[in-house]
Amino acid sequence: MKPIWTGKAAQLAGKYSENGPVATACCMTCRTCVTTNLLSLATAAAGAVGYGLVRATRRVLSAKPS
């Protein structure tokens, strides 16, 4: 039987199939990392907005009438 692929194509296909399971593990890790980073960013943004609202409220309440 004659092999269908010869040369570099067969080498690349073999090399990719060896690393296939590693790519899946890496994607799961990246998804976890991205999710954590997005949740941290959302928490920081909510804290910044809350802090800004508290400062604005204090300014309005402590303003002296002229």
N, C-alpha and C. Protein backbone atom coordinates (compact mmCIF):
# COMPACT_ATOMS: atom_id res chain seq x y z
N MET A 1 0.83 -1.18 0.00
CA MET A 1 0.00 0.00 0.00
C MET A 1 0.88 1.24 0.00
N LYS A 2 0.52 2.19 -0.82
CA LYS A 2 1.28 3.42 -0.90
C LYS A 2 0.69 4.45 0.08
N PRO A 3 1.53 5.08 0.90
CA PRO A 3 1.01 6.11 1.82
C PRO A 3 0.51 7.32 1.05
N ILE A 4 -0.56 7.89 1.55
CA ILE A 4 -1.16 9.03 0.86
C ILE A 4 -0.31 10.28 1.06
N TRP A 5 0.10 10.54 2.29
CA TRP A 5 0.91 11.72 2.58
C TRP A 5 2.35 11.29 2.75
N THR A 6 3.23 12.05 2.18
CA THR A 6 4.66 11.78 2.36
C THR A 6 5.37 13.08 2.65
N GLY A 7 6.51 12.98 3.26
CA GLY A 7 7.33 14.15 3.47
C GLY A 7 6.88 15.02 4.62
N LYS A 8 6.98 16.32 4.42
CA LYS A 8 6.73 17.30 5.49
C LYS A 8 5.28 17.28 5.98
N ALA A 9 4.34 17.05 5.09
CA ALA A 9 2.93 17.05 5.50
C ALA A 9 2.67 15.97 6.55
N ALA A 10 3.23 14.80 6.36
CA ALA A 10 3.04 13.72 7.33
C ALA A 10 3.73 14.05 8.65
N GLN A 11 4.90 14.67 8.57
CA GLN A 11 5.60 15.05 9.80
C GLN A 11 4.81 16.09 10.58
N LEU A 12 4.26 17.09 9.89
CA LEU A 12 3.47 18.12 10.57
C LEU A 12 2.20 17.55 11.18
N ALA A 13 1.54 16.66 10.46
CA ALA A 13 0.32 16.05 10.98
C ALA A 13 0.62 15.23 12.23
N GLY A 14 1.71 14.49 12.21
CA GLY A 14 2.11 13.70 13.37
C GLY A 14 2.46 14.58 14.55
N LYS A 15 3.15 15.67 14.28
CA LYS A 15 3.57 16.58 15.36
C LYS A 15 2.34 17.25 15.98
N TYR A 16 1.38 17.65 15.17
CA TYR A 16 0.18 18.31 15.69
C TYR A 16 -0.65 17.34 16.52
N SER A 17 -0.77 16.10 16.06
CA SER A 17 -1.59 15.13 16.79
C SER A 17 -0.99 14.81 18.15
N GLU A 18 0.32 14.91 18.29
CA GLU A 18 0.95 14.68 19.59
C GLU A 18 0.61 15.79 20.57
N ASN A 19 0.45 17.01 20.09
CA ASN A 19 0.20 18.15 20.96
C ASN A 19 -1.28 18.51 21.06
N GLY A 20 -2.14 17.76 20.44
CA GLY A 20 -3.57 18.04 20.45
C GLY A 20 -4.15 18.12 21.85
N PRO A 21 -3.94 17.12 22.71
CA PRO A 21 -4.51 17.19 24.06
C PRO A 21 -3.98 18.36 24.88
N VAL A 22 -2.76 18.78 24.63
CA VAL A 22 -2.19 19.91 25.37
C VAL A 22 -2.93 21.19 25.02
N ALA A 23 -3.33 21.34 23.78
CA ALA A 23 -4.05 22.55 23.37
C ALA A 23 -5.39 22.66 24.11
N THR A 24 -6.06 21.54 24.32
CA THR A 24 -7.33 21.57 25.04
C THR A 24 -7.12 22.00 26.49
N ALA A 25 -6.10 21.47 27.13
CA ALA A 25 -5.81 21.85 28.51
C ALA A 25 -5.46 23.33 28.60
N CYS A 26 -4.72 23.81 27.64
CA CYS A 26 -4.33 25.22 27.63
C CYS A 26 -5.57 26.10 27.46
N CYS A 27 -6.48 25.73 26.60
CA CYS A 27 -7.68 26.54 26.40
C CYS A 27 -8.51 26.63 27.67
N MET A 28 -8.62 25.55 28.39
CA MET A 28 -9.38 25.58 29.63
C MET A 28 -8.71 26.50 30.65
N THR A 29 -7.40 26.46 30.68
CA THR A 29 -6.67 27.33 31.59
C THR A 29 -6.85 28.79 31.19
N CYS A 30 -6.78 29.07 29.93
CA CYS A 30 -6.95 30.45 29.46
C CYS A 30 -8.35 30.97 29.75
N ARG A 31 -9.36 30.11 29.58
CA ARG A 31 -10.73 30.54 29.87
C ARG A 31 -10.88 30.89 31.34
N THR A 32 -10.28 30.08 32.20
CA THR A 32 -10.34 30.35 33.63
C THR A 32 -9.64 31.66 33.95
N CYS A 33 -8.48 31.86 33.35
CA CYS A 33 -7.71 33.08 33.60
C CYS A 33 -8.46 34.31 33.09
N VAL A 34 -9.02 34.22 31.91
CA VAL A 34 -9.76 35.36 31.35
C VAL A 34 -10.99 35.66 32.19
N THR A 35 -11.70 34.63 32.62
CA THR A 35 -12.88 34.84 33.46
C THR A 35 -12.50 35.53 34.76
N THR A 36 -11.42 35.08 35.38
CA THR A 36 -10.97 35.70 36.62
C THR A 36 -10.58 37.16 36.39
N ASN A 37 -9.88 37.43 35.30
CA ASN A 37 -9.47 38.80 35.01
C ASN A 37 -10.68 39.69 34.74
N LEU A 38 -11.67 39.18 34.02
CA LEU A 38 -12.86 39.98 33.73
C LEU A 38 -13.66 40.26 35.00
N LEU A 39 -13.78 39.25 35.86
CA LEU A 39 -14.49 39.48 37.12
C LEU A 39 -13.75 40.49 38.00
N SER A 40 -12.44 40.42 38.02
CA SER A 40 -11.65 41.39 38.79
C SER A 40 -11.82 42.79 38.23
N LEU A 41 -11.80 42.90 36.91
CA LEU A 41 -11.98 44.21 36.28
C LEU A 41 -13.37 44.77 36.56
N ALA A 42 -14.39 43.93 36.50
CA ALA A 42 -15.76 44.38 36.78
C ALA A 42 -15.90 44.82 38.24
N THR A 43 -15.27 44.09 39.16
CA THR A 43 -15.32 44.46 40.57
C THR A 43 -14.62 45.79 40.81
N ALA A 44 -13.47 45.98 40.18
CA ALA A 44 -12.74 47.24 40.32
C ALA A 44 -13.54 48.41 39.74
N ALA A 45 -14.19 48.18 38.60
CA ALA A 45 -15.00 49.24 37.99
C ALA A 45 -16.19 49.59 38.88
N ALA A 46 -16.84 48.58 39.45
CA ALA A 46 -17.97 48.84 40.34
C ALA A 46 -17.51 49.60 41.58
N GLY A 47 -16.35 49.26 42.11
CA GLY A 47 -15.81 49.97 43.26
C GLY A 47 -15.49 51.42 42.93
N ALA A 48 -14.92 51.66 41.75
CA ALA A 48 -14.59 53.02 41.35
C ALA A 48 -15.86 53.86 41.17
N VAL A 49 -16.89 53.28 40.57
CA VAL A 49 -18.15 54.01 40.40
C VAL A 49 -18.78 54.31 41.76
N GLY A 50 -18.77 53.32 42.63
CA GLY A 50 -19.32 53.52 43.98
C GLY A 50 -18.57 54.60 44.74
N TYR A 51 -17.26 54.59 44.65
CA TYR A 51 -16.43 55.61 45.32
C TYR A 51 -16.73 56.99 44.75
N GLY A 52 -16.88 57.08 43.45
CA GLY A 52 -17.21 58.36 42.82
C GLY A 52 -18.57 58.88 43.27
N LEU A 53 -19.54 57.99 43.37
CA LEU A 53 -20.87 58.40 43.84
C LEU A 53 -20.83 58.88 45.29
N VAL A 54 -20.07 58.21 46.13
CA VAL A 54 -19.95 58.64 47.53
C VAL A 54 -19.31 60.01 47.61
N ARG A 55 -18.26 60.24 46.84
CA ARG A 55 -17.60 61.55 46.85
C ARG A 55 -18.53 62.65 46.35
N ALA A 56 -19.26 62.36 45.27
CA ALA A 56 -20.18 63.36 44.73
C ALA A 56 -21.30 63.67 45.72
N THR A 57 -21.81 62.66 46.39
CA THR A 57 -22.86 62.86 47.38
C THR A 57 -22.35 63.70 48.55
N ARG A 58 -21.16 63.42 49.01
CA ARG A 58 -20.59 64.20 50.11
C ARG A 58 -20.38 65.66 49.72
N ARG A 59 -19.97 65.89 48.46
CA ARG A 59 -19.78 67.27 48.00
C ARG A 59 -21.10 68.02 47.98
N VAL A 60 -22.13 67.37 47.49
CA VAL A 60 -23.44 68.02 47.39
C VAL A 60 -24.00 68.29 48.79
N LEU A 61 -23.87 67.36 49.69
CA LEU A 61 -24.41 67.53 51.03
C LEU A 61 -23.62 68.53 51.88
N SER A 62 -22.34 68.63 51.63
CA SER A 62 -21.52 69.54 52.45
C SER A 62 -21.35 70.91 51.82
N ALA A 63 -21.97 71.17 50.68
CA ALA A 63 -21.85 72.49 50.03
C ALA A 63 -22.61 73.52 50.84
N LYS A 64 -21.97 74.66 51.04
CA LYS A 64 -22.60 75.74 51.81
C LYS A 64 -23.43 76.60 50.86
N PRO A 65 -24.65 76.92 51.23
CA PRO A 65 -25.46 77.79 50.38
C PRO A 65 -24.88 79.22 50.36
N SER A 66 -24.97 79.88 49.27
CA SER A 66 -24.40 81.23 49.20
C SER A 66 -25.41 82.32 49.42
